[in-house]
């Protein structure tokens, strides 16, 4: 550690000591910890939030299910086709 670094650290320490405790800002890593919510209160708030959710009807749910299922089948078939084609091409090139 050189002289300049020591002087800088001494000045920083002196500046910290001059600041009154009430004027000090908490450091990013030293912020006050929030109090934990008790489990009963947490579940009560969860229930309140879930009441606000706009749940899909049975018909909407079925249509979403079909869309997802068709999308998965199409994309899986596409990837399978690419894999099959590349494997055949590689075997044809290297054999």
PDB file of N, CA and C in Angstrom:
ATOM      1  N   UNK A   1       0.858  -1.162   0.000  1.00  0.00           N
ATOM      2  CA  UNK A   1       0.000   0.000   0.000  1.00  0.00           C
ATOM      3  C   UNK A   1       0.909   1.231   0.000  1.00  0.00           C
ATOM      4  N   UNK A   2       0.681   2.134  -0.914  1.00  0.00           N
ATOM      5  CA  UNK A   2       1.549   3.299  -0.991  1.00  0.00           C
ATOM      6  C   UNK A   2       0.997   4.468  -0.171  1.00  0.00           C
ATOM      7  N   UNK A   3       1.769   5.565  -0.127  1.00  0.00           N
ATOM      8  CA  UNK A   3       1.379   6.719   0.693  1.00  0.00           C
ATOM      9  C   UNK A   3       0.067   7.341   0.238  1.00  0.00           C
ATOM     10  N   UNK A   4      -0.120   7.428  -1.066  1.00  0.00           N
ATOM     11  CA  UNK A   4      -1.344   8.053  -1.578  1.00  0.00           C
ATOM     12  C   UNK A   4      -2.583   7.268  -1.147  1.00  0.00           C
ATOM     13  N   UNK A   5      -2.503   5.970  -1.223  1.00  0.00           N
ATOM     14  CA  UNK A   5      -3.630   5.132  -0.823  1.00  0.00           C
ATOM     15  C   UNK A   5      -3.906   5.285   0.658  1.00  0.00           C
ATOM     16  N   UNK A   6      -2.844   5.324   1.483  1.00  0.00           N
ATOM     17  CA  UNK A   6      -3.021   5.503   2.922  1.00  0.00           C
ATOM     18  C   UNK A   6      -3.667   6.843   3.232  1.00  0.00           C
ATOM     19  N   UNK A   7      -3.207   7.895   2.563  1.00  0.00           N
ATOM     20  CA  UNK A   7      -3.788   9.228   2.778  1.00  0.00           C
ATOM     21  C   UNK A   7      -5.266   9.251   2.375  1.00  0.00           C
ATOM     22  N   UNK A   8      -5.553   8.637   1.242  1.00  0.00           N
ATOM     23  CA  UNK A   8      -6.939   8.591   0.775  1.00  0.00           C
ATOM     24  C   UNK A   8      -7.822   7.860   1.777  1.00  0.00           C
ATOM     25  N   UNK A   9      -7.347   6.738   2.282  1.00  0.00           N
ATOM     26  CA  UNK A   9      -8.126   5.980   3.261  1.00  0.00           C
ATOM     27  C   UNK A   9      -8.303   6.773   4.553  1.00  0.00           C
ATOM     28  N   UNK A  10      -7.259   7.502   4.973  1.00  0.00           N
ATOM     29  CA  UNK A  10      -7.359   8.322   6.183  1.00  0.00           C
ATOM     30  C   UNK A  10      -8.381   9.435   5.994  1.00  0.00           C
ATOM     31  N   UNK A  11      -8.376  10.073   4.814  1.00  0.00           N
ATOM     32  CA  UNK A  11      -9.365  11.130   4.547  1.00  0.00           C
ATOM     33  C   UNK A  11     -10.780  10.570   4.533  1.00  0.00           C
ATOM     34  N   UNK A  12     -10.951   9.409   3.933  1.00  0.00           N
ATOM     35  CA  UNK A  12     -12.286   8.803   3.894  1.00  0.00           C
ATOM     36  C   UNK A  12     -12.758   8.461   5.295  1.00  0.00           C
ATOM     37  N   UNK A  13     -11.874   7.935   6.117  1.00  0.00           N
ATOM     38  CA  UNK A  13     -12.231   7.590   7.492  1.00  0.00           C
ATOM     39  C   UNK A  13     -12.603   8.840   8.278  1.00  0.00           C
ATOM     40  N   UNK A  14     -11.836   9.921   8.102  1.00  0.00           N
ATOM     41  CA  UNK A  14     -12.126  11.172   8.799  1.00  0.00           C
ATOM     42  C   UNK A  14     -13.466  11.736   8.346  1.00  0.00           C
ATOM     43  N   UNK A  15     -13.768  11.620   7.058  1.00  0.00           N
ATOM     44  CA  UNK A  15     -15.043  12.128   6.547  1.00  0.00           C
ATOM     45  C   UNK A  15     -16.202  11.325   7.124  1.00  0.00           C
ATOM     46  N   UNK A  16     -16.033  10.020   7.268  1.00  0.00           N
ATOM     47  CA  UNK A  16     -17.089   9.186   7.848  1.00  0.00           C
ATOM     48  C   UNK A  16     -17.349   9.559   9.296  1.00  0.00           C
ATOM     49  N   UNK A  17     -16.280   9.858  10.039  1.00  0.00           N
ATOM     50  CA  UNK A  17     -16.429  10.198  11.460  1.00  0.00           C
ATOM     51  C   UNK A  17     -17.107  11.540  11.649  1.00  0.00           C
ATOM     52  N   UNK A  18     -16.944  12.453  10.673  1.00  0.00           N
ATOM     53  CA  UNK A  18     -17.573  13.772  10.784  1.00  0.00           C
ATOM     54  C   UNK A  18     -19.071  13.729  10.548  1.00  0.00           C
ATOM     55  N   UNK A  19     -19.528  12.780   9.755  1.00  0.00           N
ATOM     56  CA  UNK A  19     -20.962  12.684   9.450  1.00  0.00           C
ATOM     57  C   UNK A  19     -21.682  12.167  10.683  1.00  0.00           C
ATOM     58  N   UNK A  20     -22.753  12.872  11.051  1.00  0.00           N
ATOM     59  CA  UNK A  20     -23.541  12.458  12.214  1.00  0.00           C
ATOM     60  C   UNK A  20     -24.238  11.141  11.907  1.00  0.00           C
ATOM     61  N   UNK A  21     -24.475  10.305  12.926  1.00  0.00           N
ATOM     62  CA  UNK A  21     -25.121   9.008  12.685  1.00  0.00           C
ATOM     63  C   UNK A  21     -26.490   9.131  12.017  1.00  0.00           C
ATOM     64  N   UNK A  22     -27.244  10.183  12.315  1.00  0.00           N
ATOM     65  CA  UNK A  22     -28.568  10.347  11.724  1.00  0.00           C
ATOM     66  C   UNK A  22     -28.478  10.696  10.250  1.00  0.00           C
ATOM     67  N   UNK A  23     -27.363  11.300   9.836  1.00  0.00           N
ATOM     68  CA  UNK A  23     -27.220  11.714   8.450  1.00  0.00           C
ATOM     69  C   UNK A  23     -26.642  10.608   7.575  1.00  0.00           C
ATOM     70  N   UNK A  24     -26.127   9.570   8.172  1.00  0.00           N
ATOM     71  CA  UNK A  24     -25.533   8.491   7.390  1.00  0.00           C
ATOM     72  C   UNK A  24     -26.598   7.752   6.603  1.00  0.00           C
ATOM     73  N   UNK A  25     -26.261   7.468   5.373  1.00  0.00           N
ATOM     74  CA  UNK A  25     -27.143   6.660   4.543  1.00  0.00           C
ATOM     75  C   UNK A  25     -26.711   5.216   4.671  1.00  0.00           C
ATOM     76  N   UNK A  26     -27.659   4.291   4.711  1.00  0.00           N
ATOM     77  CA  UNK A  26     -27.258   2.881   4.806  1.00  0.00           C
ATOM     78  C   UNK A  26     -26.549   2.454   3.523  1.00  0.00           C
ATOM     79  N   UNK A  27     -25.533   1.651   3.679  1.00  0.00           N
ATOM     80  CA  UNK A  27     -24.799   1.121   2.542  1.00  0.00           C
ATOM     81  C   UNK A  27     -25.698   0.130   1.805  1.00  0.00           C
ATOM     82  N   UNK A  28     -25.466  -0.078   0.504  1.00  0.00           N
ATOM     83  CA  UNK A  28     -26.327  -1.002  -0.252  1.00  0.00           C
ATOM     84  C   UNK A  28     -26.427  -2.391   0.370  1.00  0.00           C
ATOM     85  N   UNK A  29     -25.352  -2.909   0.908  1.00  0.00           N
ATOM     86  CA  UNK A  29     -25.382  -4.235   1.491  1.00  0.00           C
ATOM     87  C   UNK A  29     -25.859  -4.251   2.930  1.00  0.00           C
ATOM     88  N   UNK A  30     -26.020  -3.068   3.551  1.00  0.00           N
ATOM     89  CA  UNK A  30     -26.354  -2.997   4.960  1.00  0.00           C
ATOM     90  C   UNK A  30     -27.732  -2.379   5.205  1.00  0.00           C
ATOM     91  N   UNK A  31     -28.642  -2.547   4.291  1.00  0.00           N
ATOM     92  CA  UNK A  31     -29.969  -1.981   4.469  1.00  0.00           C
ATOM     93  C   UNK A  31     -30.706  -2.736   5.563  1.00  0.00           C
ATOM     94  N   UNK A  32     -31.675  -2.041   6.166  1.00  0.00           N
ATOM     95  CA  UNK A  32     -32.460  -2.685   7.211  1.00  0.00           C
ATOM     96  C   UNK A  32     -33.219  -3.857   6.622  1.00  0.00           C
ATOM     97  N   UNK A  33     -33.231  -4.936   7.361  1.00  0.00           N
ATOM     98  CA  UNK A  33     -33.952  -6.111   6.892  1.00  0.00           C
ATOM     99  C   UNK A  33     -35.439  -5.916   7.147  1.00  0.00           C
ATOM    100  N   UNK A  34     -36.228  -6.313   6.170  1.00  0.00           N
ATOM    101  CA  UNK A  34     -37.675  -6.228   6.336  1.00  0.00           C
ATOM    102  C   UNK A  34     -38.130  -7.324   7.287  1.00  0.00           C
ATOM    103  N   UNK A  35     -39.164  -7.030   8.036  1.00  0.00           N
ATOM    104  CA  UNK A  35     -39.702  -8.034   8.941  1.00  0.00           C
ATOM    105  C   UNK A  35     -40.451  -9.077   8.116  1.00  0.00           C
ATOM    106  N   UNK A  36     -40.344 -10.313   8.537  1.00  0.00           N
ATOM    107  CA  UNK A  36     -41.009 -11.398   7.823  1.00  0.00           C
ATOM    108  C   UNK A  36     -42.497 -11.382   8.110  1.00  0.00           C
ATOM    109  N   UNK A  37     -43.267 -11.707   7.081  1.00  0.00           N
ATOM    110  CA  UNK A  37     -44.712 -11.813   7.233  1.00  0.00           C
ATOM    111  C   UNK A  37     -45.032 -13.175   7.829  1.00  0.00           C
ATOM    112  N   UNK A  38     -45.874 -13.207   8.834  1.00  0.00           N
ATOM    113  CA  UNK A  38     -46.245 -14.513   9.405  1.00  0.00           C
ATOM    114  C   UNK A  38     -46.981 -15.367   8.367  1.00  0.00           C
ATOM    115  N   UNK A  39     -46.877 -16.689   8.465  1.00  0.00           N
ATOM    116  CA  UNK A  39     -47.503 -17.569   7.469  1.00  0.00           C
ATOM    117  C   UNK A  39     -49.005 -17.340   7.315  1.00  0.00           C
ATOM    118  N   UNK A  40     -49.692 -17.095   8.409  1.00  0.00           N
ATOM    119  CA  UNK A  40     -51.143 -16.888   8.337  1.00  0.00           C
ATOM    120  C   UNK A  40     -51.472 -15.638   7.517  1.00  0.00           C
ATOM    121  N   UNK A  41     -50.728 -14.546   7.759  1.00  0.00           N
ATOM    122  CA  UNK A  41     -50.936 -13.297   7.013  1.00  0.00           C
ATOM    123  C   UNK A  41     -50.598 -13.501   5.539  1.00  0.00           C
ATOM    124  N   UNK A  42     -49.520 -14.221   5.271  1.00  0.00           N
ATOM    125  CA  UNK A  42     -49.121 -14.487   3.897  1.00  0.00           C
ATOM    126  C   UNK A  42     -50.217 -15.231   3.147  1.00  0.00           C
ATOM    127  N   UNK A  43     -50.752 -16.292   3.744  1.00  0.00           N
ATOM    128  CA  UNK A  43     -51.806 -17.067   3.083  1.00  0.00           C
ATOM    129  C   UNK A  43     -53.069 -16.247   2.883  1.00  0.00           C
ATOM    130  N   UNK A  44     -53.356 -15.374   3.827  1.00  0.00           N
ATOM    131  CA  UNK A  44     -54.525 -14.504   3.701  1.00  0.00           C
ATOM    132  C   UNK A  44     -54.358 -13.561   2.505  1.00  0.00           C
ATOM    133  N   UNK A  45     -53.154 -13.003   2.346  1.00  0.00           N
ATOM    134  CA  UNK A  45     -52.895 -12.102   1.221  1.00  0.00           C
ATOM    135  C   UNK A  45     -52.901 -12.853  -0.106  1.00  0.00           C
ATOM    136  N   UNK A  46     -52.405 -14.081  -0.100  1.00  0.00           N
ATOM    137  CA  UNK A  46     -52.426 -14.899  -1.316  1.00  0.00           C
ATOM    138  C   UNK A  46     -53.860 -15.159  -1.745  1.00  0.00           C
ATOM    139  N   UNK A  47     -54.695 -15.504  -0.798  1.00  0.00           N
ATOM    140  CA  UNK A  47     -56.107 -15.756  -1.105  1.00  0.00           C
ATOM    141  C   UNK A  47     -56.769 -14.502  -1.690  1.00  0.00           C
ATOM    142  N   UNK A  48     -56.464 -13.339  -1.123  1.00  0.00           N
ATOM    143  CA  UNK A  48     -57.036 -12.088  -1.634  1.00  0.00           C
ATOM    144  C   UNK A  48     -56.579 -11.824  -3.065  1.00  0.00           C
ATOM    145  N   UNK A  49     -55.302 -12.067  -3.353  1.00  0.00           N
ATOM    146  CA  UNK A  49     -54.790 -11.836  -4.703  1.00  0.00           C
ATOM    147  C   UNK A  49     -55.401 -12.821  -5.702  1.00  0.00           C
ATOM    148  N   UNK A  50     -55.592 -14.074  -5.282  1.00  0.00           N
ATOM    149  CA  UNK A  50     -56.165 -15.061  -6.192  1.00  0.00           C
ATOM    150  C   UNK A  50     -57.627 -14.765  -6.509  1.00  0.00           C
ATOM    151  N   UNK A  51     -58.310 -14.062  -5.619  1.00  0.00           N
ATOM    152  CA  UNK A  51     -59.690 -13.665  -5.915  1.00  0.00           C
ATOM    153  C   UNK A  51     -59.747 -12.626  -7.019  1.00  0.00           C
ATOM    154  N   UNK A  52     -58.658 -11.881  -7.206  1.00  0.00           N
ATOM    155  CA  UNK A  52     -58.616 -10.837  -8.233  1.00  0.00           C
ATOM    156  C   UNK A  52     -58.295 -11.388  -9.618  1.00  0.00           C
ATOM    157  N   UNK A  53     -57.835 -12.648  -9.687  1.00  0.00           N
ATOM    158  CA  UNK A  53     -57.420 -13.240 -10.960  1.00  0.00           C
ATOM    159  C   UNK A  53     -58.638 -13.500 -11.833  1.00  0.00           C
ATOM    160  N   UNK A  54     -58.508 -13.207 -13.127  1.00  0.00           N
ATOM    161  CA  UNK A  54     -59.568 -13.476 -14.086  1.00  0.00           C
ATOM    162  C   UNK A  54     -59.330 -14.882 -14.641  1.00  0.00           C
ATOM    163  N   UNK A  55     -59.979 -15.883 -14.039  1.00  0.00           N
ATOM    164  CA  UNK A  55     -59.766 -17.273 -14.417  1.00  0.00           C
ATOM    165  C   UNK A  55     -60.486 -17.586 -15.717  1.00  0.00           C
ATOM    166  N   UNK A  56     -59.895 -18.432 -16.596  1.00  0.00           N
ATOM    167  CA  UNK A  56     -60.560 -18.787 -17.859  1.00  0.00           C
ATOM    168  C   UNK A  56     -61.743 -19.715 -17.618  1.00  0.00           C
ATOM    169  N   UNK A  57     -62.701 -19.631 -18.533  1.00  0.00           N
ATOM    170  CA  UNK A  57     -63.847 -20.533 -18.447  1.00  0.00           C
ATOM    171  C   UNK A  57     -63.417 -21.906 -18.941  1.00  0.00           C
ATOM    172  N   UNK A  58     -64.292 -22.896 -18.789  1.00  0.00           N
ATOM    173  CA  UNK A  58     -63.971 -24.256 -19.225  1.00  0.00           C
ATOM    174  C   UNK A  58     -63.752 -24.296 -20.741  1.00  0.00           C
ATOM    175  N   UNK A  59     -64.549 -23.547 -21.475  1.00  0.00           N
ATOM    176  CA  UNK A  59     -64.427 -23.521 -22.929  1.00  0.00           C
ATOM    177  C   UNK A  59     -63.089 -22.883 -23.344  1.00  0.00           C
ATOM    178  N   UNK A  60     -62.733 -21.776 -22.706  1.00  0.00           N
ATOM    179  CA  UNK A  60     -61.458 -21.126 -23.006  1.00  0.00           C
ATOM    180  C   UNK A  60     -60.281 -22.041 -22.653  1.00  0.00           C
ATOM    181  N   UNK A  61     -60.389 -22.700 -21.523  1.00  0.00           N
ATOM    182  CA  UNK A  61     -59.322 -23.604 -21.080  1.00  0.00           C
ATOM    183  C   UNK A  61     -59.120 -24.728 -22.082  1.00  0.00           C
ATOM    184  N   UNK A  62     -60.220 -25.289 -22.582  1.00  0.00           N
ATOM    185  CA  UNK A  62     -60.140 -26.365 -23.572  1.00  0.00           C
ATOM    186  C   UNK A  62     -59.484 -25.862 -24.861  1.00  0.00           C
ATOM    187  N   UNK A  63     -59.850 -24.675 -25.311  1.00  0.00           N
ATOM    188  CA  UNK A  63     -59.256 -24.140 -26.544  1.00  0.00           C
ATOM    189  C   UNK A  63     -57.769 -23.860 -26.354  1.00  0.00           C
ATOM    190  N   UNK A  64     -57.368 -23.352 -25.192  1.00  0.00           N
ATOM    191  CA  UNK A  64     -55.946 -23.132 -24.917  1.00  0.00           C
ATOM    192  C   UNK A  64     -55.193 -24.461 -24.919  1.00  0.00           C
ATOM    193  N   UNK A  65     -55.795 -25.477 -24.330  1.00  0.00           N
ATOM    194  CA  UNK A  65     -55.184 -26.796 -24.281  1.00  0.00           C
ATOM    195  C   UNK A  65     -54.950 -27.341 -25.684  1.00  0.00           C
ATOM    196  N   UNK A  66     -55.939 -27.198 -26.542  1.00  0.00           N
ATOM    197  CA  UNK A  66     -55.826 -27.710 -27.914  1.00  0.00           C
ATOM    198  C   UNK A  66     -54.733 -26.955 -28.660  1.00  0.00           C
ATOM    199  N   UNK A  67     -54.679 -25.639 -28.498  1.00  0.00           N
ATOM    200  CA  UNK A  67     -53.656 -24.844 -29.184  1.00  0.00           C
ATOM    201  C   UNK A  67     -52.260 -25.281 -28.738  1.00  0.00           C
ATOM    202  N   UNK A  68     -52.072 -25.466 -27.447  1.00  0.00           N
ATOM    203  CA  UNK A  68     -50.764 -25.893 -26.931  1.00  0.00           C
ATOM    204  C   UNK A  68     -50.426 -27.286 -27.428  1.00  0.00           C
ATOM    205  N   UNK A  69     -51.370 -28.194 -27.390  1.00  0.00           N
ATOM    206  CA  UNK A  69     -51.124 -29.554 -27.832  1.00  0.00           C
ATOM    207  C   UNK A  69     -50.738 -29.600 -29.309  1.00  0.00           C
ATOM    208  N   UNK A  70     -51.466 -28.879 -30.155  1.00  0.00           N
ATOM    209  CA  UNK A  70     -51.160 -28.850 -31.590  1.00  0.00           C
ATOM    210  C   UNK A  70     -49.778 -28.236 -31.812  1.00  0.00           C
ATOM    211  N   UNK A  71     -49.467 -27.155 -31.093  1.00  0.00           N
ATOM    212  CA  UNK A  71     -48.155 -26.513 -31.238  1.00  0.00           C
ATOM    213  C   UNK A  71     -47.033 -27.468 -30.857  1.00  0.00           C
ATOM    214  N   UNK A  72     -47.192 -28.200 -29.781  1.00  0.00           N
ATOM    215  CA  UNK A  72     -46.162 -29.135 -29.336  1.00  0.00           C
ATOM    216  C   UNK A  72     -45.985 -30.247 -30.366  1.00  0.00           C
ATOM    217  N   UNK A  73     -47.071 -30.775 -30.887  1.00  0.00           N
ATOM    218  CA  UNK A  73     -46.975 -31.856 -31.880  1.00  0.00           C
ATOM    219  C   UNK A  73     -46.281 -31.347 -33.137  1.00  0.00           C
ATOM    220  N   UNK A  74     -46.641 -30.171 -33.615  1.00  0.00           N
ATOM    221  CA  UNK A  74     -46.040 -29.621 -34.836  1.00  0.00           C
ATOM    222  C   UNK A  74     -44.549 -29.371 -34.639  1.00  0.00           C
ATOM    223  N   UNK A  75     -44.178 -28.722 -33.547  1.00  0.00           N
ATOM    224  CA  UNK A  75     -42.765 -28.423 -33.314  1.00  0.00           C
ATOM    225  C   UNK A  75     -41.949 -29.692 -33.079  1.00  0.00           C
ATOM    226  N   UNK A  76     -42.522 -30.659 -32.381  1.00  0.00           N
ATOM    227  CA  UNK A  76     -41.820 -31.927 -32.168  1.00  0.00           C
ATOM    228  C   UNK A  76     -41.606 -32.640 -33.499  1.00  0.00           C
ATOM    229  N   UNK A  77     -42.603 -32.642 -34.352  1.00  0.00           N
ATOM    230  CA  UNK A  77     -42.476 -33.270 -35.671  1.00  0.00           C
ATOM    231  C   UNK A  77     -41.405 -32.566 -36.500  1.00  0.00           C
ATOM    232  N   UNK A  78     -41.356 -31.256 -36.438  1.00  0.00           N
ATOM    233  CA  UNK A  78     -40.371 -30.473 -37.177  1.00  0.00           C
ATOM    234  C   UNK A  78     -38.952 -30.819 -36.716  1.00  0.00           C
ATOM    235  N   UNK A  79     -38.743 -30.847 -35.418  1.00  0.00           N
ATOM    236  CA  UNK A  79     -37.421 -31.175 -34.877  1.00  0.00           C
ATOM    237  C   UNK A  79     -37.054 -32.620 -35.214  1.00  0.00           C
ATOM    238  N   UNK A  80     -38.009 -33.527 -35.111  1.00  0.00           N
ATOM    239  CA  UNK A  80     -37.749 -34.921 -35.470  1.00  0.00           C
ATOM    240  C   UNK A  80     -37.335 -35.023 -36.940  1.00  0.00           C
ATOM    241  N   UNK A  81     -38.048 -34.314 -37.811  1.00  0.00           N
ATOM    242  CA  UNK A  81     -37.719 -34.334 -39.239  1.00  0.00           C
ATOM    243  C   UNK A  81     -36.321 -33.798 -39.503  1.00  0.00           C
ATOM    244  N   UNK A  82     -35.958 -32.687 -38.861  1.00  0.00           N
ATOM    245  CA  UNK A  82     -34.609 -32.147 -39.033  1.00  0.00           C
ATOM    246  C   UNK A  82     -33.556 -33.131 -38.533  1.00  0.00           C
ATOM    247  N   UNK A  83     -33.786 -33.709 -37.382  1.00  0.00           N
ATOM    248  CA  UNK A  83     -32.837 -34.662 -36.806  1.00  0.00           C
ATOM    249  C   UNK A  83     -32.675 -35.873 -37.726  1.00  0.00           C
ATOM    250  N   UNK A  84     -33.766 -36.385 -38.208  1.00  0.00           N
ATOM    251  CA  UNK A  84     -33.727 -37.549 -39.089  1.00  0.00           C
ATOM    252  C   UNK A  84     -32.987 -37.214 -40.379  1.00  0.00           C
ATOM    253  N   UNK A  85     -33.313 -36.069 -40.957  1.00  0.00           N
ATOM    254  CA  UNK A  85     -32.660 -35.660 -42.207  1.00  0.00           C
ATOM    255  C   UNK A  85     -31.167 -35.447 -42.030  1.00  0.00           C
ATOM    256  N   UNK A  86     -30.767 -34.755 -40.978  1.00  0.00           N
ATOM    257  CA  UNK A  86     -29.340 -34.519 -40.751  1.00  0.00           C
ATOM    258  C   UNK A  86     -28.593 -35.819 -40.468  1.00  0.00           C
ATOM    259  N   UNK A  87     -29.216 -36.707 -39.709  1.00  0.00           N
ATOM    260  CA  UNK A  87     -28.530 -37.971 -39.411  1.00  0.00           C
ATOM    261  C   UNK A  87     -28.327 -38.793 -40.683  1.00  0.00           C
ATOM    262  N   UNK A  88     -29.330 -38.825 -41.548  1.00  0.00           N
ATOM    263  CA  UNK A  88     -29.182 -39.552 -42.812  1.00  0.00           C
ATOM    264  C   UNK A  88     -28.110 -38.906 -43.686  1.00  0.00           C
ATOM    265  N   UNK A  89     -28.083 -37.565 -43.724  1.00  0.00           N
ATOM    266  CA  UNK A  89     -27.088 -36.860 -44.537  1.00  0.00           C
ATOM    267  C   UNK A  89     -25.691 -37.106 -44.013  1.00  0.00           C
ATOM    268  N   UNK A  90     -25.496 -37.075 -42.707  1.00  0.00           N
ATOM    269  CA  UNK A  90     -24.175 -37.297 -42.126  1.00  0.00           C
ATOM    270  C   UNK A  90     -23.730 -38.741 -42.388  1.00  0.00           C
ATOM    271  N   UNK A  91     -24.623 -39.692 -42.236  1.00  0.00           N
ATOM    272  CA  UNK A  91     -24.254 -41.094 -42.488  1.00  0.00           C
ATOM    273  C   UNK A  91     -23.900 -41.302 -43.969  1.00  0.00           C
ATOM    274  N   UNK A  92     -24.611 -40.622 -44.851  1.00  0.00           N
ATOM    275  CA  UNK A  92     -24.353 -40.765 -46.279  1.00  0.00           C
ATOM    276  C   UNK A  92     -22.983 -40.144 -46.642  1.00  0.00           C
ATOM    277  N   UNK A  93     -22.653 -39.017 -45.989  1.00  0.00           N
ATOM    278  CA  UNK A  93     -21.380 -38.339 -46.275  1.00  0.00           C
ATOM    279  C   UNK A  93     -20.200 -39.139 -45.765  1.00  0.00           C
ATOM    280  N   UNK A  94     -20.300 -39.650 -44.526  1.00  0.00           N
ATOM    281  CA  UNK A  94     -19.148 -40.280 -43.878  1.00  0.00           C
ATOM    282  C   UNK A  94     -19.069 -41.810 -44.044  1.00  0.00           C
ATOM    283  N   UNK A  95     -19.980 -42.429 -44.754  1.00  0.00           N
ATOM    284  CA  UNK A  95     -19.868 -43.887 -44.972  1.00  0.00           C
ATOM    285  C   UNK A  95     -19.659 -44.214 -46.418  1.00  0.00           C
TER     286      UNK A  95
END
